[in-house]
Amino acid sequence: MAANSESWPGADQRHSPSWSSTHGVQWYHPSPNDYWRWTHTGLRLLFERNANWLALSIEPAAGSGSGLAMLIGNYVEAGLRRTIAARGVVWLLNHAGAALDRYPPLSDTRQGSLIPNFHVVAER
């Protein structure tokens, strides 16, 4: 997948912001191919190579606790065939993941982190 800032809406206008959000982790789901796995360093490189931004911010939307809860929840939901029983388990997993994200080593982008998605704000 190649990115070109000229194809981004508003990229050719001065002082136009760009807001982007992308997934960080997800289970393999071909349709017909799997998608790229974005990282904060990969997103920074992509944005910096394709435009001269006045400001660029790349922040995790959640931490590794939420990322792990999301992945486990996907399998729980699939295993329980999306029944009413899955809802409670997934709800508990999501709340436990959010609680774990309050612990600093699980909330930042260090080696081995499992960040579910990133929010990018870029201004020209």
PDB file of N, CA and C in Angstrom:
ATOM      1  N   MET A   1       0.844  -1.168   0.000  1.00  0.00           N
ATOM      2  CA  MET A   1       0.000   0.000   0.000  1.00  0.00           C
ATOM      3  C   MET A   1       0.891   1.233   0.000  1.00  0.00           C
ATOM      4  N   ALA A   2       0.724   2.066  -0.945  1.00  0.00           N
ATOM      5  CA  ALA A   2       1.511   3.292  -1.018  1.00  0.00           C
ATOM      6  C   ALA A   2       0.617   4.473  -0.675  1.00  0.00           C
ATOM      7  N   ALA A   3       1.198   5.451  -0.054  1.00  0.00           N
ATOM      8  CA  ALA A   3       0.439   6.651   0.293  1.00  0.00           C
ATOM      9  C   ALA A   3       1.069   7.844  -0.385  1.00  0.00           C
ATOM     10  N   ASN A   4       0.250   8.753  -0.785  1.00  0.00           N
ATOM     11  CA  ASN A   4       0.721   9.966  -1.426  1.00  0.00           C
ATOM     12  C   ASN A   4      -0.101  11.111  -0.867  1.00  0.00           C
ATOM     13  N   SER A   5       0.555  12.102  -0.293  1.00  0.00           N
ATOM     14  CA  SER A   5      -0.163  13.202   0.342  1.00  0.00           C
ATOM     15  C   SER A   5      -1.028  13.968  -0.639  1.00  0.00           C
ATOM     16  N   GLU A   6      -0.697  13.912  -1.929  1.00  0.00           N
ATOM     17  CA  GLU A   6      -1.505  14.634  -2.913  1.00  0.00           C
ATOM     18  C   GLU A   6      -2.897  14.028  -3.049  1.00  0.00           C
ATOM     19  N   SER A   7      -3.045  12.752  -2.687  1.00  0.00           N
ATOM     20  CA  SER A   7      -4.344  12.115  -2.801  1.00  0.00           C
ATOM     21  C   SER A   7      -5.193  12.306  -1.552  1.00  0.00           C
ATOM     22  N   TRP A   8      -4.626  12.886  -0.495  1.00  0.00           N
ATOM     23  CA  TRP A   8      -5.367  13.084   0.742  1.00  0.00           C
ATOM     24  C   TRP A   8      -6.228  14.325   0.621  1.00  0.00           C
ATOM     25  N   PRO A   9      -7.473  14.255   1.051  1.00  0.00           N
ATOM     26  CA  PRO A   9      -8.324  15.448   0.986  1.00  0.00           C
ATOM     27  C   PRO A   9      -7.689  16.621   1.736  1.00  0.00           C
ATOM     28  N   GLY A  10      -7.592  17.760   1.084  1.00  0.00           N
ATOM     29  CA  GLY A  10      -7.065  18.959   1.726  1.00  0.00           C
ATOM     30  C   GLY A  10      -5.557  19.021   1.827  1.00  0.00           C
ATOM     31  N   ALA A  11      -4.839  18.006   1.314  1.00  0.00           N
ATOM     32  CA  ALA A  11      -3.394  17.974   1.483  1.00  0.00           C
ATOM     33  C   ALA A  11      -2.689  19.083   0.711  1.00  0.00           C
ATOM     34  N   ASP A  12      -3.326  19.624  -0.312  1.00  0.00           N
ATOM     35  CA  ASP A  12      -2.679  20.663  -1.099  1.00  0.00           C
ATOM     36  C   ASP A  12      -3.028  22.067  -0.584  1.00  0.00           C
ATOM     37  N   GLN A  13      -3.804  22.167   0.461  1.00  0.00           N
ATOM     38  CA  GLN A  13      -4.184  23.464   1.009  1.00  0.00           C
ATOM     39  C   GLN A  13      -3.309  23.772   2.217  1.00  0.00           C
ATOM     40  N   ARG A  14      -2.875  25.002   2.338  1.00  0.00           N
ATOM     41  CA  ARG A  14      -2.056  25.384   3.477  1.00  0.00           C
ATOM     42  C   ARG A  14      -2.890  25.403   4.751  1.00  0.00           C
ATOM     43  N   HIS A  15      -2.273  24.978   5.818  1.00  0.00           N
ATOM     44  CA  HIS A  15      -2.873  24.959   7.152  1.00  0.00           C
ATOM     45  C   HIS A  15      -4.147  24.119   7.211  1.00  0.00           C
ATOM     46  N   SER A  16      -4.236  23.106   6.373  1.00  0.00           N
ATOM     47  CA  SER A  16      -5.389  22.217   6.447  1.00  0.00           C
ATOM     48  C   SER A  16      -5.005  21.005   7.292  1.00  0.00           C
ATOM     49  N   PRO A  17      -5.793  20.709   8.305  1.00  0.00           N
ATOM     50  CA  PRO A  17      -5.462  19.566   9.159  1.00  0.00           C
ATOM     51  C   PRO A  17      -5.849  18.249   8.511  1.00  0.00           C
ATOM     52  N   SER A  18      -5.171  17.223   8.907  1.00  0.00           N
ATOM     53  CA  SER A  18      -5.502  15.865   8.497  1.00  0.00           C
ATOM     54  C   SER A  18      -5.669  15.045   9.769  1.00  0.00           C
ATOM     55  N   TRP A  19      -6.800  14.407   9.911  1.00  0.00           N
ATOM     56  CA  TRP A  19      -7.033  13.519  11.046  1.00  0.00           C
ATOM     57  C   TRP A  19      -7.137  12.113  10.494  1.00  0.00           C
ATOM     58  N   SER A  20      -6.361  11.216  11.046  1.00  0.00           N
ATOM     59  CA  SER A  20      -6.370   9.835  10.575  1.00  0.00           C
ATOM     60  C   SER A  20      -6.412   8.902  11.774  1.00  0.00           C
ATOM     61  N   SER A  21      -7.031   7.783  11.576  1.00  0.00           N
ATOM     62  CA  SER A  21      -7.059   6.745  12.598  1.00  0.00           C
ATOM     63  C   SER A  21      -6.886   5.421  11.882  1.00  0.00           C
ATOM     64  N   THR A  22      -6.113   4.539  12.459  1.00  0.00           N
ATOM     65  CA  THR A  22      -5.866   3.258  11.820  1.00  0.00           C
ATOM     66  C   THR A  22      -5.728   2.177  12.873  1.00  0.00           C
ATOM     67  N   HIS A  23      -5.952   0.959  12.465  1.00  0.00           N
ATOM     68  CA  HIS A  23      -5.812  -0.149  13.404  1.00  0.00           C
ATOM     69  C   HIS A  23      -4.336  -0.437  13.641  1.00  0.00           C
ATOM     70  N   GLY A  24      -4.024  -0.975  14.788  1.00  0.00           N
ATOM     71  CA  GLY A  24      -2.664  -1.377  15.090  1.00  0.00           C
ATOM     72  C   GLY A  24      -2.543  -2.883  15.077  1.00  0.00           C
ATOM     73  N   VAL A  25      -3.508  -3.568  15.672  1.00  0.00           N
ATOM     74  CA  VAL A  25      -3.492  -5.027  15.691  1.00  0.00           C
ATOM     75  C   VAL A  25      -4.881  -5.548  15.364  1.00  0.00           C
ATOM     76  N   GLN A  26      -4.895  -6.690  14.787  1.00  0.00           N
ATOM     77  CA  GLN A  26      -6.148  -7.367  14.462  1.00  0.00           C
ATOM     78  C   GLN A  26      -5.793  -8.770  14.037  1.00  0.00           C
ATOM     79  N   TRP A  27      -6.692  -9.704  14.217  1.00  0.00           N
ATOM     80  CA  TRP A  27      -6.401 -11.058  13.775  1.00  0.00           C
ATOM     81  C   TRP A  27      -6.408 -11.123  12.259  1.00  0.00           C
ATOM     82  N   TYR A  28      -5.821 -12.169  11.723  1.00  0.00           N
ATOM     83  CA  TYR A  28      -5.726 -12.335  10.268  1.00  0.00           C
ATOM     84  C   TYR A  28      -7.127 -12.455   9.688  1.00  0.00           C
ATOM     85  N   HIS A  29      -7.446 -11.610   8.733  1.00  0.00           N
ATOM     86  CA  HIS A  29      -8.773 -11.635   8.113  1.00  0.00           C
ATOM     87  C   HIS A  29      -8.674 -11.317   6.621  1.00  0.00           C
ATOM     88  N   PRO A  30      -8.347 -12.329   5.819  1.00  0.00           N
ATOM     89  CA  PRO A  30      -8.201 -12.093   4.386  1.00  0.00           C
ATOM     90  C   PRO A  30      -9.525 -11.758   3.714  1.00  0.00           C
ATOM     91  N   SER A  31      -9.456 -10.813   2.788  1.00  0.00           N
ATOM     92  CA  SER A  31     -10.672 -10.422   2.083  1.00  0.00           C
ATOM     93  C   SER A  31     -10.333  -9.680   0.790  1.00  0.00           C
ATOM     94  N   PRO A  32      -9.608 -10.183  -0.149  1.00  0.00           N
ATOM     95  CA  PRO A  32      -8.967 -11.489  -0.225  1.00  0.00           C
ATOM     96  C   PRO A  32      -7.572 -11.516   0.410  1.00  0.00           C
ATOM     97  N   ASN A  33      -7.029 -10.343   0.772  1.00  0.00           N
ATOM     98  CA  ASN A  33      -5.706 -10.282   1.391  1.00  0.00           C
ATOM     99  C   ASN A  33      -5.803  -9.656   2.765  1.00  0.00           C
ATOM    100  N   ASP A  34      -4.784  -9.889   3.585  1.00  0.00           N
ATOM    101  CA  ASP A  34      -4.716  -9.250   4.893  1.00  0.00           C
ATOM    102  C   ASP A  34      -4.232  -7.814   4.721  1.00  0.00           C
ATOM    103  N   TYR A  35      -4.445  -6.973   5.717  1.00  0.00           N
ATOM    104  CA  TYR A  35      -4.076  -5.563   5.643  1.00  0.00           C
ATOM    105  C   TYR A  35      -2.742  -5.301   6.333  1.00  0.00           C
ATOM    106  N   TRP A  36      -2.188  -4.133   6.061  1.00  0.00           N
ATOM    107  CA  TRP A  36      -0.960  -3.706   6.722  1.00  0.00           C
ATOM    108  C   TRP A  36      -1.170  -3.598   8.211  1.00  0.00           C
ATOM    109  N   ARG A  37      -0.097  -3.779   8.946  1.00  0.00           N
ATOM    110  CA  ARG A  37      -0.113  -3.569  10.395  1.00  0.00           C
ATOM    111  C   ARG A  37       0.617  -2.262  10.656  1.00  0.00           C
ATOM    112  N   TRP A  38      -0.082  -1.249  11.102  1.00  0.00           N
ATOM    113  CA  TRP A  38       0.507   0.074  11.311  1.00  0.00           C
ATOM    114  C   TRP A  38       1.140   0.176  12.691  1.00  0.00           C
ATOM    115  N   THR A  39       2.264   0.868  12.765  1.00  0.00           N
ATOM    116  CA  THR A  39       2.918   1.179  14.029  1.00  0.00           C
ATOM    117  C   THR A  39       3.100   2.694  14.091  1.00  0.00           C
ATOM    118  N   HIS A  40       3.375   3.189  15.288  1.00  0.00           N
ATOM    119  CA  HIS A  40       3.580   4.637  15.417  1.00  0.00           C
ATOM    120  C   HIS A  40       4.790   5.089  14.608  1.00  0.00           C
ATOM    121  N   THR A  41       5.837   4.276  14.549  1.00  0.00           N
ATOM    122  CA  THR A  41       7.013   4.667  13.765  1.00  0.00           C
ATOM    123  C   THR A  41       6.729   4.593  12.265  1.00  0.00           C
ATOM    124  N   GLY A  42       5.967   3.602  11.836  1.00  0.00           N
ATOM    125  CA  GLY A  42       5.606   3.491  10.432  1.00  0.00           C
ATOM    126  C   GLY A  42       4.708   4.638   9.982  1.00  0.00           C
ATOM    127  N   LEU A  43       3.762   5.009  10.840  1.00  0.00           N
ATOM    128  CA  LEU A  43       2.881   6.136  10.509  1.00  0.00           C
ATOM    129  C   LEU A  43       3.661   7.444  10.437  1.00  0.00           C
ATOM    130  N   ARG A  44       4.586   7.641  11.386  1.00  0.00           N
ATOM    131  CA  ARG A  44       5.392   8.864  11.366  1.00  0.00           C
ATOM    132  C   ARG A  44       6.197   8.935  10.064  1.00  0.00           C
ATOM    133  N   LEU A  45       6.832   7.838   9.687  1.00  0.00           N
ATOM    134  CA  LEU A  45       7.612   7.799   8.454  1.00  0.00           C
ATOM    135  C   LEU A  45       6.721   8.072   7.242  1.00  0.00           C
ATOM    136  N   LEU A  46       5.544   7.450   7.194  1.00  0.00           N
ATOM    137  CA  LEU A  46       4.619   7.649   6.089  1.00  0.00           C
ATOM    138  C   LEU A  46       4.223   9.121   5.952  1.00  0.00           C
ATOM    139  N   PHE A  47       3.848   9.743   7.064  1.00  0.00           N
ATOM    140  CA  PHE A  47       3.428  11.147   7.015  1.00  0.00           C
ATOM    141  C   PHE A  47       4.602  12.075   6.702  1.00  0.00           C
ATOM    142  N   GLU A  48       5.754  11.851   7.327  1.00  0.00           N
ATOM    143  CA  GLU A  48       6.893  12.749   7.113  1.00  0.00           C
ATOM    144  C   GLU A  48       7.428  12.670   5.690  1.00  0.00           C
ATOM    145  N   ARG A  49       7.357  11.509   5.063  1.00  0.00           N
ATOM    146  CA  ARG A  49       7.868  11.361   3.696  1.00  0.00           C
ATOM    147  C   ARG A  49       6.927  11.946   2.646  1.00  0.00           C
ATOM    148  N   ASN A  50       5.671  12.166   3.006  1.00  0.00           N
ATOM    149  CA  ASN A  50       4.688  12.538   1.999  1.00  0.00           C
ATOM    150  C   ASN A  50       4.171  13.961   2.089  1.00  0.00           C
ATOM    151  N   ALA A  51       4.621  14.733   3.060  1.00  0.00           N
ATOM    152  CA  ALA A  51       4.200  16.131   3.156  1.00  0.00           C
ATOM    153  C   ALA A  51       5.063  16.840   4.185  1.00  0.00           C
ATOM    154  N   ASN A  52       5.110  18.155   4.095  1.00  0.00           N
ATOM    155  CA  ASN A  52       5.798  18.968   5.094  1.00  0.00           C
ATOM    156  C   ASN A  52       4.746  19.479   6.071  1.00  0.00           C
ATOM    157  N   TRP A  53       4.669  18.862   7.224  1.00  0.00           N
ATOM    158  CA  TRP A  53       3.654  19.195   8.218  1.00  0.00           C
ATOM    159  C   TRP A  53       4.207  20.208   9.212  1.00  0.00           C
ATOM    160  N   LEU A  54       3.389  21.171   9.584  1.00  0.00           N
ATOM    161  CA  LEU A  54       3.756  22.105  10.652  1.00  0.00           C
ATOM    162  C   LEU A  54       3.733  21.396  11.999  1.00  0.00           C
ATOM    163  N   ALA A  55       2.780  20.507  12.149  1.00  0.00           N
ATOM    164  CA  ALA A  55       2.637  19.742  13.388  1.00  0.00           C
ATOM    165  C   ALA A  55       2.207  18.329  13.035  1.00  0.00           C
ATOM    166  N   LEU A  56       2.734  17.361  13.767  1.00  0.00           N
ATOM    167  CA  LEU A  56       2.386  15.960  13.550  1.00  0.00           C
ATOM    168  C   LEU A  56       2.334  15.265  14.897  1.00  0.00           C
ATOM    169  N   SER A  57       1.186  14.694  15.213  1.00  0.00           N
ATOM    170  CA  SER A  57       0.990  13.990  16.476  1.00  0.00           C
ATOM    171  C   SER A  57       0.460  12.591  16.190  1.00  0.00           C
ATOM    172  N   ILE A  58       1.098  11.581  16.770  1.00  0.00           N
ATOM    173  CA  ILE A  58       0.672  10.196  16.608  1.00  0.00           C
ATOM    174  C   ILE A  58       0.577   9.595  18.005  1.00  0.00           C
ATOM    175  N   GLU A  59      -0.640   9.312  18.428  1.00  0.00           N
ATOM    176  CA  GLU A  59      -0.884   8.834  19.793  1.00  0.00           C
ATOM    177  C   GLU A  59      -1.690   7.542  19.770  1.00  0.00           C
ATOM    178  N   PRO A  60      -1.384   6.613  20.692  1.00  0.00           N
ATOM    179  CA  PRO A  60      -2.218   5.416  20.789  1.00  0.00           C
ATOM    180  C   PRO A  60      -3.609   5.774  21.314  1.00  0.00           C
ATOM    181  N   ALA A  61      -4.628   5.156  20.743  1.00  0.00           N
ATOM    182  CA  ALA A  61      -6.000   5.386  21.209  1.00  0.00           C
ATOM    183  C   ALA A  61      -6.274   4.575  22.468  1.00  0.00           C
ATOM    184  N   ALA A  62      -5.538   3.514  22.661  1.00  0.00           N
ATOM    185  CA  ALA A  62      -5.655   2.651  23.848  1.00  0.00           C
ATOM    186  C   ALA A  62      -4.329   1.932  23.999  1.00  0.00           C
ATOM    187  N   GLY A  63      -4.176   1.220  25.091  1.00  0.00           N
ATOM    188  CA  GLY A  63      -2.911   0.548  25.365  1.00  0.00           C
ATOM    189  C   GLY A  63      -2.942  -0.950  25.082  1.00  0.00           C
ATOM    190  N   SER A  64      -1.882  -1.615  25.529  1.00  0.00           N
ATOM    191  CA  SER A  64      -1.736  -3.047  25.275  1.00  0.00           C
ATOM    192  C   SER A  64      -2.783  -3.886  25.998  1.00  0.00           C
ATOM    193  N   GLY A  65      -3.247  -3.436  27.153  1.00  0.00           N
ATOM    194  CA  GLY A  65      -4.306  -4.161  27.856  1.00  0.00           C
ATOM    195  C   GLY A  65      -5.560  -4.240  27.007  1.00  0.00           C
ATOM    196  N   SER A  66      -5.926  -3.110  26.406  1.00  0.00           N
ATOM    197  CA  SER A  66      -7.094  -3.083  25.525  1.00  0.00           C
ATOM    198  C   SER A  66      -6.854  -3.888  24.254  1.00  0.00           C
ATOM    199  N   GLY A  67      -5.627  -3.823  23.738  1.00  0.00           N
ATOM    200  CA  GLY A  67      -5.297  -4.597  22.542  1.00  0.00           C
ATOM    201  C   GLY A  67      -5.431  -6.085  22.774  1.00  0.00           C
ATOM    202  N   LEU A  68      -4.902  -6.554  23.900  1.00  0.00           N
ATOM    203  CA  LEU A  68      -5.001  -7.976  24.229  1.00  0.00           C
ATOM    204  C   LEU A  68      -6.454  -8.369  24.480  1.00  0.00           C
ATOM    205  N   ALA A  69      -7.200  -7.526  25.205  1.00  0.00           N
ATOM    206  CA  ALA A  69      -8.617  -7.803  25.461  1.00  0.00           C
ATOM    207  C   ALA A  69      -9.395  -7.890  24.153  1.00  0.00           C
ATOM    208  N   MET A  70      -9.081  -7.008  23.205  1.00  0.00           N
ATOM    209  CA  MET A  70      -9.775  -7.017  21.918  1.00  0.00           C
ATOM    210  C   MET A  70      -9.521  -8.324  21.170  1.00  0.00           C
ATOM    211  N   LEU A  71      -8.254  -8.747  21.130  1.00  0.00           N
ATOM    212  CA  LEU A  71      -7.932  -9.971  20.406  1.00  0.00           C
ATOM    213  C   LEU A  71      -8.580 -11.195  21.060  1.00  0.00           C
ATOM    214  N   ILE A  72      -8.500 -11.284  22.382  1.00  0.00           N
ATOM    215  CA  ILE A  72      -9.147 -12.405  23.082  1.00  0.00           C
ATOM    216  C   ILE A  72     -10.654 -12.344  22.866  1.00  0.00           C
ATOM    217  N   GLY A  73     -11.220 -11.145  22.946  1.00  0.00           N
ATOM    218  CA  GLY A  73     -12.650 -10.975  22.741  1.00  0.00           C
ATOM    219  C   GLY A  73     -13.102 -11.429  21.360  1.00  0.00           C
ATOM    220  N   ASN A  74     -12.278 -11.192  20.337  1.00  0.00           N
ATOM    221  CA  ASN A  74     -12.616 -11.667  18.987  1.00  0.00           C
ATOM    222  C   ASN A  74     -12.785 -13.178  18.964  1.00  0.00           C
ATOM    223  N   TYR A  75     -11.864 -13.894  19.612  1.00  0.00           N
ATOM    224  CA  TYR A  75     -11.933 -15.352  19.628  1.00  0.00           C
ATOM    225  C   TYR A  75     -13.068 -15.851  20.515  1.00  0.00           C
ATOM    226  N   VAL A  76     -13.301 -15.190  21.638  1.00  0.00           N
ATOM    227  CA  VAL A  76     -14.418 -15.564  22.511  1.00  0.00           C
ATOM    228  C   VAL A  76     -15.728 -15.400  21.751  1.00  0.00           C
ATOM    229  N   GLU A  77     -15.870 -14.262  21.097  1.00  0.00           N
ATOM    230  CA  GLU A  77     -17.098 -13.994  20.350  1.00  0.00           C
ATOM    231  C   GLU A  77     -17.293 -15.010  19.227  1.00  0.00           C
ATOM    232  N   ALA A  78     -16.226 -15.330  18.523  1.00  0.00           N
ATOM    233  CA  ALA A  78     -16.324 -16.327  17.446  1.00  0.00           C
ATOM    234  C   ALA A  78     -16.616 -17.711  18.016  1.00  0.00           C
ATOM    235  N   GLY A  79     -15.949 -18.052  19.125  1.00  0.00           N
ATOM    236  CA  GLY A  79     -16.154 -19.359  19.741  1.00  0.00           C
ATOM    237  C   GLY A  79     -17.555 -19.552  20.291  1.00  0.00           C
ATOM    238  N   LEU A  80     -18.124 -18.497  20.815  1.00  0.00           N
ATOM    239  CA  LEU A  80     -19.483 -18.564  21.350  1.00  0.00           C
ATOM    240  C   LEU A  80     -20.527 -18.199  20.294  1.00  0.00           C
ATOM    241  N   ARG A  81     -20.076 -18.096  19.062  1.00  0.00           N
ATOM    242  CA  ARG A  81     -20.937 -17.837  17.907  1.00  0.00           C
ATOM    243  C   ARG A  81     -21.820 -16.597  18.081  1.00  0.00           C
ATOM    244  N   ARG A  82     -21.223 -15.563  18.660  1.00  0.00           N
ATOM    245  CA  ARG A  82     -21.898 -14.264  18.829  1.00  0.00           C
ATOM    246  C   ARG A  82     -23.223 -14.365  19.582  1.00  0.00           C
ATOM    247  N   THR A  83     -23.290 -15.290  20.528  1.00  0.00           N
ATOM    248  CA  THR A  83     -24.503 -15.438  21.337  1.00  0.00           C
ATOM    249  C   THR A  83     -24.525 -14.388  22.439  1.00  0.00           C
ATOM    250  N   ILE A  84     -25.622 -14.353  23.168  1.00  0.00           N
ATOM    251  CA  ILE A  84     -25.770 -13.409  24.277  1.00  0.00           C
ATOM    252  C   ILE A  84     -24.692 -13.653  25.339  1.00  0.00           C
ATOM    253  N   ALA A  85     -24.243 -14.891  25.479  1.00  0.00           N
ATOM    254  CA  ALA A  85     -23.200 -15.212  26.459  1.00  0.00           C
ATOM    255  C   ALA A  85     -21.894 -14.505  26.128  1.00  0.00           C
ATOM    256  N   ALA A  86     -21.623 -14.316  24.842  1.00  0.00           N
ATOM    257  CA  ALA A  86     -20.382 -13.657  24.428  1.00  0.00           C
ATOM    258  C   ALA A  86     -20.365 -12.200  24.864  1.00  0.00           C
ATOM    259  N   ARG A  87     -21.517 -11.553  24.874  1.00  0.00           N
ATOM    260  CA  ARG A  87     -21.567 -10.124  25.207  1.00  0.00           C
ATOM    261  C   ARG A  87     -20.999  -9.835  26.592  1.00  0.00           C
ATOM    262  N   GLY A  88     -21.398 -10.611  27.565  1.00  0.00           N
ATOM    263  CA  GLY A  88     -20.911 -10.395  28.931  1.00  0.00           C
ATOM    264  C   GLY A  88     -19.418 -10.607  29.058  1.00  0.00           C
ATOM    265  N   VAL A  89     -18.924 -11.663  28.436  1.00  0.00           N
ATOM    266  CA  VAL A  89     -17.487 -11.967  28.504  1.00  0.00           C
ATOM    267  C   VAL A  89     -16.688 -10.862  27.817  1.00  0.00           C
ATOM    268  N   VAL A  90     -17.135 -10.440  26.654  1.00  0.00           N
ATOM    269  CA  VAL A  90     -16.429  -9.388  25.913  1.00  0.00           C
ATOM    270  C   VAL A  90     -16.491  -8.068  26.687  1.00  0.00           C
ATOM    271  N   TRP A  91     -17.609  -7.772  27.301  1.00  0.00           N
ATOM    272  CA  TRP A  91     -17.738  -6.557  28.121  1.00  0.00           C
ATOM    273  C   TRP A  91     -16.714  -6.585  29.260  1.00  0.00           C
ATOM    274  N   LEU A  92     -16.612  -7.723  29.952  1.00  0.00           N
ATOM    275  CA  LEU A  92     -15.631  -7.854  31.039  1.00  0.00           C
ATOM    276  C   LEU A  92     -14.205  -7.705  30.527  1.00  0.00           C
ATOM    277  N   LEU A  93     -13.905  -8.339  29.411  1.00  0.00           N
ATOM    278  CA  LEU A  93     -12.566  -8.225  28.825  1.00  0.00           C
ATOM    279  C   LEU A  93     -12.233  -6.775  28.486  1.00  0.00           C
ATOM    280  N   ASN A  94     -13.172  -6.067  27.864  1.00  0.00           N
ATOM    281  CA  ASN A  94     -12.929  -4.675  27.490  1.00  0.00           C
ATOM    282  C   ASN A  94     -12.681  -3.796  28.711  1.00  0.00           C
ATOM    283  N   HIS A  95     -13.439  -3.988  29.763  1.00  0.00           N
ATOM    284  CA  HIS A  95     -13.244  -3.190  30.974  1.00  0.00           C
ATOM    285  C   HIS A  95     -11.937  -3.550  31.684  1.00  0.00           C
ATOM    286  N   ALA A  96     -11.595  -4.838  31.683  1.00  0.00           N
ATOM    287  CA  ALA A  96     -10.316  -5.250  32.283  1.00  0.00           C
ATOM    288  C   ALA A  96      -9.153  -4.678  31.482  1.00  0.00           C
ATOM    289  N   GLY A  97      -9.245  -4.699  30.157  1.00  0.00           N
ATOM    290  CA  GLY A  97      -8.195  -4.133  29.308  1.00  0.00           C
ATOM    291  C   GLY A  97      -8.013  -2.647  29.553  1.00  0.00           C
ATOM    292  N   ALA A  98      -9.116  -1.918  29.669  1.00  0.00           N
ATOM    293  CA  ALA A  98      -9.043  -0.475  29.934  1.00  0.00           C
ATOM    294  C   ALA A  98      -8.405  -0.204  31.296  1.00  0.00           C
ATOM    295  N   ALA A  99      -8.712  -1.037  32.277  1.00  0.00           N
ATOM    296  CA  ALA A  99      -8.102  -0.874  33.603  1.00  0.00           C
ATOM    297  C   ALA A  99      -6.599  -1.139  33.538  1.00  0.00           C
ATOM    298  N   LEU A 100      -6.181  -2.150  32.787  1.00  0.00           N
ATOM    299  CA  LEU A 100      -4.754  -2.450  32.637  1.00  0.00           C
ATOM    300  C   LEU A 100      -4.016  -1.321  31.921  1.00  0.00           C
ATOM    301  N   ASP A 101      -4.712  -0.634  31.024  1.00  0.00           N
ATOM    302  CA  ASP A 101      -4.091   0.468  30.285  1.00  0.00           C
ATOM    303  C   ASP A 101      -3.685   1.622  31.201  1.00  0.00           C
ATOM    304  N   ARG A 102      -4.214   1.681  32.408  1.00  0.00           N
ATOM    305  CA  ARG A 102      -3.836   2.749  33.343  1.00  0.00           C
ATOM    306  C   ARG A 102      -2.431   2.531  33.909  1.00  0.00           C
ATOM    307  N   TYR A 103      -1.895   1.332  33.741  1.00  0.00           N
ATOM    308  CA  TYR A 103      -0.544   0.993  34.190  1.00  0.00           C
ATOM    309  C   TYR A 103       0.431   1.439  33.092  1.00  0.00           C
ATOM    310  N   PRO A 104       1.315   2.433  33.384  1.00  0.00           N
ATOM    311  CA  PRO A 104       2.140   3.053  32.332  1.00  0.00           C
ATOM    312  C   PRO A 104       2.868   2.099  31.375  1.00  0.00           C
ATOM    313  N   PRO A 105       3.479   1.007  31.828  1.00  0.00           N
ATOM    314  CA  PRO A 105       4.144   0.155  30.829  1.00  0.00           C
ATOM    315  C   PRO A 105       3.190  -0.435  29.784  1.00  0.00           C
ATOM    316  N   LEU A 106       1.911  -0.497  30.098  1.00  0.00           N
ATOM    317  CA  LEU A 106       0.953  -1.053  29.143  1.00  0.00           C
ATOM    318  C   LEU A 106       0.267   0.006  28.301  1.00  0.00           C
ATOM    319  N   SER A 107       0.517   1.277  28.603  1.00  0.00           N
ATOM    320  CA  SER A 107      -0.185   2.335  27.884  1.00  0.00           C
ATOM    321  C   SER A 107       0.675   3.059  26.862  1.00  0.00           C
ATOM    322  N   ASP A 108       1.974   2.776  26.833  1.00  0.00           N
ATOM    323  CA  ASP A 108       2.827   3.505  25.886  1.00  0.00           C
ATOM    324  C   ASP A 108       3.306   2.609  24.750  1.00  0.00           C
ATOM    325  N   THR A 109       4.045   3.198  23.844  1.00  0.00           N
ATOM    326  CA  THR A 109       4.487   2.509  22.629  1.00  0.00           C
ATOM    327  C   THR A 109       5.921   2.025  22.757  1.00  0.00           C
ATOM    328  N   ARG A 110       6.139   1.120  23.663  1.00  0.00           N
ATOM    329  CA  ARG A 110       7.479   0.536  23.820  1.00  0.00           C
ATOM    330  C   ARG A 110       7.562  -0.769  23.039  1.00  0.00           C
ATOM    331  N   GLN A 111       8.757  -1.315  22.932  1.00  0.00           N
ATOM    332  CA  GLN A 111       8.946  -2.567  22.212  1.00  0.00           C
ATOM    333  C   GLN A 111       8.053  -3.640  22.828  1.00  0.00           C
ATOM    334  N   GLY A 112       7.346  -4.363  21.989  1.00  0.00           N
ATOM    335  CA  GLY A 112       6.461  -5.425  22.449  1.00  0.00           C
ATOM    336  C   GLY A 112       5.048  -4.955  22.763  1.00  0.00           C
ATOM    337  N   SER A 113       4.786  -3.658  22.597  1.00  0.00           N
ATOM    338  CA  SER A 113       3.434  -3.174  22.878  1.00  0.00           C
ATOM    339  C   SER A 113       2.454  -3.698  21.831  1.00  0.00           C
ATOM    340  N   LEU A 114       1.214  -3.763  22.227  1.00  0.00           N
ATOM    341  CA  LEU A 114       0.146  -4.303  21.396  1.00  0.00           C
ATOM    342  C   LEU A 114      -0.947  -3.241  21.307  1.00  0.00           C
ATOM    343  N   ILE A 115      -0.677  -2.184  20.559  1.00  0.00           N
ATOM    344  CA  ILE A 115      -1.576  -1.027  20.492  1.00  0.00           C
ATOM    345  C   ILE A 115      -2.685  -1.308  19.479  1.00  0.00           C
ATOM    346  N   PRO A 116      -3.958  -1.181  19.893  1.00  0.00           N
ATOM    347  CA  PRO A 116      -5.058  -1.491  18.975  1.00  0.00           C
ATOM    348  C   PRO A 116      -5.180  -0.544  17.793  1.00  0.00           C
ATOM    349  N   ASN A 117      -4.987   0.740  18.003  1.00  0.00           N
ATOM    350  CA  ASN A 117      -5.016   1.692  16.893  1.00  0.00           C
ATOM    351  C   ASN A 117      -4.382   3.021  17.319  1.00  0.00           C
ATOM    352  N   PHE A 118      -4.063   3.813  16.317  1.00  0.00           N
ATOM    353  CA  PHE A 118      -3.411   5.099  16.543  1.00  0.00           C
ATOM    354  C   PHE A 118      -4.267   6.218  15.963  1.00  0.00           C
ATOM    355  N   HIS A 119      -4.196   7.360  16.585  1.00  0.00           N
ATOM    356  CA  HIS A 119      -4.819   8.576  16.057  1.00  0.00           C
ATOM    357  C   HIS A 119      -3.708   9.496  15.592  1.00  0.00           C
ATOM    358  N   VAL A 120      -3.819   9.953  14.382  1.00  0.00           N
ATOM    359  CA  VAL A 120      -2.827  10.838  13.783  1.00  0.00           C
ATOM    360  C   VAL A 120      -3.494  12.190  13.521  1.00  0.00           C
ATOM    361  N   VAL A 121      -2.855  13.269  13.975  1.00  0.00           N
ATOM    362  CA  VAL A 121      -3.299  14.612  13.644  1.00  0.00           C
ATOM    363  C   VAL A 121      -2.109  15.321  13.016  1.00  0.00           C
ATOM    364  N   ALA A 122      -2.303  15.778  11.784  1.00  0.00           N
ATOM    365  CA  ALA A 122      -1.236  16.442  11.057  1.00  0.00           C
ATOM    366  C   ALA A 122      -1.781  17.774  10.530  1.00  0.00           C
ATOM    367  N   GLU A 123      -0.973  18.820  10.638  1.00  0.00           N
ATOM    368  CA  GLU A 123      -1.406  20.138  10.160  1.00  0.00           C
ATOM    369  C   GLU A 123      -0.373  20.706   9.219  1.00  0.00           C
ATOM    370  N   ARG A 124      -0.837  21.216   8.102  1.00  0.00           N
ATOM    371  CA  ARG A 124       0.038  21.840   7.106  1.00  0.00           C
ATOM    372  C   ARG A 124      -0.028  23.332   7.246  1.00  0.00           C
TER     373      ARG A 124
END
